[in-house]
Amino acid sequence: AYRWFCSSKHLEEMREKRKAKGKIQLYDRNCLKLSEDQIHNFLEQKIPYTIRLKIDRNKTIEVDDIVKGKLKFNTNYVDDQVLLKSDGYPTYHLASIVDDHEMNISHV
């Protein structure tokens, strides 16, 4: 996981550029390129950030689904989902997994 400091404006501009080029709407991972000094400066300036789950690229995720059988997903088409919002609250992507785990739910 990593901190994402980009503004909503940056995200919208990036999406529009990708859309115009006919590319899928994935985050450009701009904040993965930040140095430790840049991150430290942003934190000192109290710039809001979210926490995103870093998905490895160039891999295949295989899942044995009870209903559909074996499913394969190319990670180049899986976006880095936001886990914690800038207000500190978890998103559905994190909260639902924690909830399922706490309730011992193994199949959804």
N, C-alpha and C. Protein backbone atom coordinates (compact mmCIF):
# COMPACT_ATOMS: atom_id res chain seq x y z
N ALA A 1 0.85 -1.18 0.00
CA ALA A 1 0.00 0.00 0.00
C ALA A 1 0.90 1.24 0.00
N TYR A 2 0.34 2.35 -0.47
CA TYR A 2 1.12 3.58 -0.53
C TYR A 2 0.21 4.79 -0.38
N ARG A 3 0.82 5.91 0.00
CA ARG A 3 0.08 7.17 0.14
C ARG A 3 -0.15 7.79 -1.24
N TRP A 4 -1.34 8.32 -1.41
CA TRP A 4 -1.72 8.97 -2.67
C TRP A 4 -2.08 10.42 -2.35
N PHE A 5 -1.22 11.35 -2.76
CA PHE A 5 -1.39 12.77 -2.46
C PHE A 5 -2.03 13.55 -3.60
N CYS A 6 -2.22 12.92 -4.75
CA CYS A 6 -2.73 13.65 -5.92
C CYS A 6 -4.13 14.21 -5.66
N SER A 7 -4.39 15.33 -6.26
CA SER A 7 -5.70 15.97 -6.10
C SER A 7 -6.74 15.29 -6.98
N SER A 8 -7.97 15.56 -6.67
CA SER A 8 -9.07 15.05 -7.50
C SER A 8 -8.94 15.60 -8.91
N LYS A 9 -8.45 16.85 -9.02
CA LYS A 9 -8.26 17.47 -10.33
C LYS A 9 -7.24 16.68 -11.15
N HIS A 10 -6.13 16.28 -10.53
CA HIS A 10 -5.12 15.48 -11.24
C HIS A 10 -5.74 14.17 -11.72
N LEU A 11 -6.50 13.54 -10.85
CA LEU A 11 -7.11 12.26 -11.21
C LEU A 11 -8.07 12.43 -12.39
N GLU A 12 -8.89 13.47 -12.37
CA GLU A 12 -9.83 13.70 -13.46
C GLU A 12 -9.10 14.01 -14.77
N GLU A 13 -8.05 14.84 -14.71
CA GLU A 13 -7.27 15.15 -15.91
C GLU A 13 -6.60 13.90 -16.48
N MET A 14 -6.05 13.06 -15.60
CA MET A 14 -5.40 11.84 -16.03
C MET A 14 -6.42 10.91 -16.69
N ARG A 15 -7.60 10.79 -16.10
CA ARG A 15 -8.64 9.94 -16.68
C ARG A 15 -9.06 10.44 -18.06
N GLU A 16 -9.21 11.74 -18.20
CA GLU A 16 -9.60 12.31 -19.50
C GLU A 16 -8.54 12.05 -20.56
N LYS A 17 -7.26 12.19 -20.20
CA LYS A 17 -6.18 11.92 -21.15
C LYS A 17 -6.17 10.46 -21.58
N ARG A 18 -6.34 9.55 -20.62
CA ARG A 18 -6.36 8.12 -20.94
C ARG A 18 -7.57 7.78 -21.80
N LYS A 19 -8.69 8.39 -21.48
CA LYS A 19 -9.91 8.14 -22.25
C LYS A 19 -9.73 8.61 -23.69
N ALA A 20 -9.13 9.79 -23.87
CA ALA A 20 -8.92 10.33 -25.21
C ALA A 20 -7.99 9.45 -26.04
N LYS A 21 -7.08 8.74 -25.38
CA LYS A 21 -6.15 7.84 -26.07
C LYS A 21 -6.72 6.43 -26.23
N GLY A 22 -7.95 6.22 -25.72
CA GLY A 22 -8.57 4.91 -25.82
C GLY A 22 -8.04 3.90 -24.82
N LYS A 23 -7.40 4.38 -23.75
CA LYS A 23 -6.85 3.49 -22.73
C LYS A 23 -7.86 3.28 -21.61
N ILE A 24 -7.70 2.18 -20.90
CA ILE A 24 -8.59 1.92 -19.77
C ILE A 24 -8.31 2.92 -18.65
N GLN A 25 -9.31 3.13 -17.81
CA GLN A 25 -9.26 4.16 -16.78
C GLN A 25 -8.58 3.65 -15.50
N LEU A 26 -7.27 3.53 -15.53
CA LEU A 26 -6.50 3.14 -14.36
C LEU A 26 -5.70 4.34 -13.85
N TYR A 27 -5.49 4.39 -12.56
CA TYR A 27 -4.67 5.44 -11.96
C TYR A 27 -3.24 5.33 -12.51
N ASP A 28 -2.60 6.46 -12.77
CA ASP A 28 -1.27 6.48 -13.40
C ASP A 28 -0.12 6.21 -12.44
N ARG A 29 -0.42 5.97 -11.17
CA ARG A 29 0.59 5.65 -10.16
C ARG A 29 1.62 6.76 -9.97
N ASN A 30 1.20 7.98 -10.21
CA ASN A 30 2.09 9.13 -10.07
C ASN A 30 2.74 9.18 -8.70
N CYS A 31 2.01 8.87 -7.65
CA CYS A 31 2.54 8.98 -6.29
C CYS A 31 3.51 7.85 -5.94
N LEU A 32 3.59 6.81 -6.73
CA LEU A 32 4.60 5.78 -6.49
C LEU A 32 6.00 6.29 -6.83
N LYS A 33 6.07 7.36 -7.61
CA LYS A 33 7.36 7.91 -8.03
C LYS A 33 7.91 8.94 -7.04
N LEU A 34 7.16 9.23 -5.98
CA LEU A 34 7.60 10.24 -5.02
C LEU A 34 8.78 9.73 -4.19
N SER A 35 9.70 10.63 -3.92
CA SER A 35 10.83 10.28 -3.06
C SER A 35 10.39 10.35 -1.59
N GLU A 36 11.19 9.79 -0.72
CA GLU A 36 10.90 9.87 0.72
C GLU A 36 10.85 11.32 1.17
N ASP A 37 11.73 12.16 0.62
CA ASP A 37 11.73 13.58 0.97
C ASP A 37 10.44 14.27 0.54
N GLN A 38 9.96 13.95 -0.67
CA GLN A 38 8.71 14.54 -1.14
C GLN A 38 7.55 14.11 -0.24
N ILE A 39 7.51 12.83 0.11
CA ILE A 39 6.45 12.33 0.98
C ILE A 39 6.51 13.04 2.33
N HIS A 40 7.71 13.15 2.88
CA HIS A 40 7.89 13.83 4.17
C HIS A 40 7.41 15.28 4.10
N ASN A 41 7.77 15.96 3.01
CA ASN A 41 7.32 17.36 2.84
C ASN A 41 5.81 17.47 2.75
N PHE A 42 5.18 16.58 1.99
CA PHE A 42 3.72 16.59 1.88
C PHE A 42 3.07 16.34 3.23
N LEU A 43 3.63 15.41 4.00
CA LEU A 43 3.08 15.14 5.33
C LEU A 43 3.24 16.34 6.25
N GLU A 44 4.40 17.01 6.19
CA GLU A 44 4.62 18.20 7.01
C GLU A 44 3.66 19.32 6.64
N GLN A 45 3.34 19.42 5.33
CA GLN A 45 2.41 20.45 4.85
C GLN A 45 0.95 20.06 5.10
N LYS A 46 0.76 18.87 5.65
CA LYS A 46 -0.57 18.35 5.96
C LYS A 46 -1.45 18.25 4.71
N ILE A 47 -0.81 17.87 3.59
CA ILE A 47 -1.56 17.64 2.35
C ILE A 47 -2.36 16.36 2.53
N PRO A 48 -3.66 16.41 2.27
CA PRO A 48 -4.49 15.21 2.45
C PRO A 48 -4.03 14.09 1.52
N TYR A 49 -4.18 12.87 1.99
CA TYR A 49 -3.82 11.72 1.17
C TYR A 49 -4.74 10.55 1.49
N THR A 50 -4.79 9.63 0.55
CA THR A 50 -5.49 8.37 0.77
C THR A 50 -4.44 7.26 0.77
N ILE A 51 -4.86 6.07 1.15
CA ILE A 51 -3.98 4.90 1.07
C ILE A 51 -4.53 4.01 -0.04
N ARG A 52 -3.68 3.70 -1.01
CA ARG A 52 -4.06 2.83 -2.12
C ARG A 52 -3.34 1.49 -2.01
N LEU A 53 -4.01 0.44 -2.42
CA LEU A 53 -3.44 -0.89 -2.47
C LEU A 53 -2.62 -1.00 -3.76
N LYS A 54 -1.34 -1.31 -3.65
CA LYS A 54 -0.49 -1.46 -4.83
C LYS A 54 -0.67 -2.86 -5.40
N ILE A 55 -1.15 -2.91 -6.63
CA ILE A 55 -1.34 -4.18 -7.33
C ILE A 55 -0.12 -4.43 -8.21
N ASP A 56 0.52 -5.59 -8.05
CA ASP A 56 1.65 -5.93 -8.90
C ASP A 56 1.21 -5.96 -10.35
N ARG A 57 2.06 -5.52 -11.24
CA ARG A 57 1.77 -5.53 -12.68
C ARG A 57 2.36 -6.78 -13.33
N ASN A 58 1.87 -7.08 -14.52
CA ASN A 58 2.37 -8.18 -15.34
C ASN A 58 2.25 -9.54 -14.67
N LYS A 59 1.15 -9.74 -13.96
CA LYS A 59 0.89 -11.02 -13.31
C LYS A 59 -0.53 -11.46 -13.66
N THR A 60 -0.79 -12.73 -13.41
CA THR A 60 -2.14 -13.26 -13.58
C THR A 60 -2.61 -13.77 -12.23
N ILE A 61 -3.79 -13.31 -11.82
CA ILE A 61 -4.41 -13.79 -10.59
C ILE A 61 -5.41 -14.87 -10.99
N GLU A 62 -5.28 -16.04 -10.37
CA GLU A 62 -6.21 -17.13 -10.65
C GLU A 62 -7.03 -17.40 -9.40
N VAL A 63 -8.34 -17.53 -9.60
CA VAL A 63 -9.27 -17.78 -8.51
C VAL A 63 -10.15 -18.96 -8.89
N ASP A 64 -10.31 -19.91 -7.97
CA ASP A 64 -11.26 -21.01 -8.18
C ASP A 64 -12.58 -20.60 -7.56
N ASP A 65 -13.52 -20.20 -8.42
CA ASP A 65 -14.84 -19.74 -7.98
C ASP A 65 -15.79 -20.94 -7.93
N ILE A 66 -16.56 -21.03 -6.86
CA ILE A 66 -17.49 -22.16 -6.70
C ILE A 66 -18.52 -22.19 -7.83
N VAL A 67 -18.97 -21.03 -8.27
CA VAL A 67 -20.01 -20.95 -9.29
C VAL A 67 -19.44 -20.96 -10.70
N LYS A 68 -18.42 -20.13 -10.97
CA LYS A 68 -17.92 -19.97 -12.33
C LYS A 68 -16.69 -20.79 -12.66
N GLY A 69 -16.12 -21.48 -11.68
CA GLY A 69 -14.92 -22.26 -11.94
C GLY A 69 -13.67 -21.39 -11.86
N LYS A 70 -12.64 -21.78 -12.60
CA LYS A 70 -11.37 -21.05 -12.56
C LYS A 70 -11.49 -19.74 -13.34
N LEU A 71 -11.15 -18.64 -12.66
CA LEU A 71 -11.15 -17.31 -13.28
C LEU A 71 -9.73 -16.77 -13.28
N LYS A 72 -9.36 -16.07 -14.34
CA LYS A 72 -8.04 -15.46 -14.44
C LYS A 72 -8.18 -13.97 -14.69
N PHE A 73 -7.34 -13.18 -14.00
CA PHE A 73 -7.35 -11.73 -14.13
C PHE A 73 -5.94 -11.25 -14.40
N ASN A 74 -5.77 -10.47 -15.45
CA ASN A 74 -4.49 -9.83 -15.77
C ASN A 74 -4.38 -8.59 -14.89
N THR A 75 -3.34 -8.53 -14.05
CA THR A 75 -3.21 -7.41 -13.12
C THR A 75 -2.95 -6.07 -13.80
N ASN A 76 -2.62 -6.08 -15.07
CA ASN A 76 -2.45 -4.82 -15.79
C ASN A 76 -3.78 -4.10 -15.99
N TYR A 77 -4.88 -4.81 -15.71
CA TYR A 77 -6.21 -4.22 -15.85
C TYR A 77 -6.93 -4.09 -14.51
N VAL A 78 -6.17 -4.21 -13.43
CA VAL A 78 -6.73 -4.08 -12.08
C VAL A 78 -6.17 -2.80 -11.48
N ASP A 79 -7.05 -1.90 -11.08
CA ASP A 79 -6.62 -0.60 -10.55
C ASP A 79 -6.15 -0.71 -9.10
N ASP A 80 -5.31 0.21 -8.70
CA ASP A 80 -4.89 0.33 -7.30
C ASP A 80 -6.03 0.97 -6.52
N GLN A 81 -6.79 0.17 -5.82
CA GLN A 81 -7.98 0.65 -5.12
C GLN A 81 -7.63 1.44 -3.87
N VAL A 82 -8.45 2.42 -3.57
CA VAL A 82 -8.30 3.20 -2.34
C VAL A 82 -8.81 2.35 -1.17
N LEU A 83 -7.97 2.21 -0.14
CA LEU A 83 -8.34 1.46 1.05
C LEU A 83 -8.80 2.38 2.18
N LEU A 84 -8.07 3.48 2.38
CA LEU A 84 -8.43 4.47 3.40
C LEU A 84 -8.60 5.82 2.73
N LYS A 85 -9.71 6.46 3.01
CA LYS A 85 -9.99 7.78 2.45
C LYS A 85 -9.19 8.84 3.21
N SER A 86 -9.13 10.03 2.66
CA SER A 86 -8.34 11.11 3.28
C SER A 86 -8.88 11.51 4.65
N ASP A 87 -10.12 11.16 4.96
CA ASP A 87 -10.66 11.45 6.28
C ASP A 87 -10.34 10.34 7.29
N GLY A 88 -9.60 9.32 6.83
CA GLY A 88 -9.19 8.24 7.71
C GLY A 88 -10.15 7.07 7.77
N TYR A 89 -11.29 7.20 7.14
CA TYR A 89 -12.27 6.10 7.15
C TYR A 89 -11.97 5.10 6.05
N PRO A 90 -12.19 3.81 6.33
CA PRO A 90 -11.94 2.80 5.30
C PRO A 90 -13.01 2.84 4.21
N THR A 91 -12.60 2.44 3.01
CA THR A 91 -13.55 2.31 1.92
C THR A 91 -14.15 0.91 1.98
N TYR A 92 -15.11 0.66 1.12
CA TYR A 92 -15.76 -0.64 1.03
C TYR A 92 -14.72 -1.74 0.78
N HIS A 93 -13.72 -1.44 -0.07
CA HIS A 93 -12.72 -2.43 -0.45
C HIS A 93 -11.98 -3.00 0.76
N LEU A 94 -11.78 -2.20 1.77
CA LEU A 94 -11.13 -2.67 2.99
C LEU A 94 -12.14 -3.14 4.02
N ALA A 95 -13.16 -2.35 4.25
CA ALA A 95 -14.13 -2.66 5.32
C ALA A 95 -14.84 -3.99 5.08
N SER A 96 -15.21 -4.29 3.85
CA SER A 96 -15.94 -5.53 3.58
C SER A 96 -15.07 -6.76 3.84
N ILE A 97 -13.79 -6.67 3.52
CA ILE A 97 -12.88 -7.79 3.75
C ILE A 97 -12.67 -8.02 5.24
N VAL A 98 -12.47 -6.93 5.98
CA VAL A 98 -12.30 -7.04 7.43
C VAL A 98 -13.57 -7.61 8.06
N ASP A 99 -14.71 -7.12 7.63
CA ASP A 99 -15.99 -7.60 8.16
C ASP A 99 -16.17 -9.09 7.88
N ASP A 100 -15.90 -9.50 6.64
CA ASP A 100 -16.03 -10.93 6.31
C ASP A 100 -15.10 -11.78 7.16
N HIS A 101 -13.88 -11.31 7.35
CA HIS A 101 -12.92 -12.05 8.17
C HIS A 101 -13.40 -12.16 9.61
N GLU A 102 -13.86 -11.05 10.17
CA GLU A 102 -14.35 -11.04 11.56
C GLU A 102 -15.55 -11.96 11.75
N MET A 103 -16.35 -12.12 10.70
CA MET A 103 -17.54 -12.95 10.78
C MET A 103 -17.29 -14.38 10.29
N ASN A 104 -16.02 -14.70 10.02
CA ASN A 104 -15.63 -16.03 9.52
C ASN A 104 -16.36 -16.42 8.23
N ILE A 105 -16.57 -15.46 7.38
CA ILE A 105 -17.21 -15.73 6.08
C ILE A 105 -16.12 -16.11 5.09
N SER A 106 -16.25 -17.27 4.48
CA SER A 106 -15.24 -17.73 3.54
C SER A 106 -15.72 -17.66 2.09
N HIS A 107 -17.03 -17.65 1.87
CA HIS A 107 -17.57 -17.62 0.51
C HIS A 107 -18.58 -16.49 0.40
N VAL A 108 -18.41 -15.71 -0.64
CA VAL A 108 -19.33 -14.59 -0.86
C VAL A 108 -20.06 -14.81 -2.15
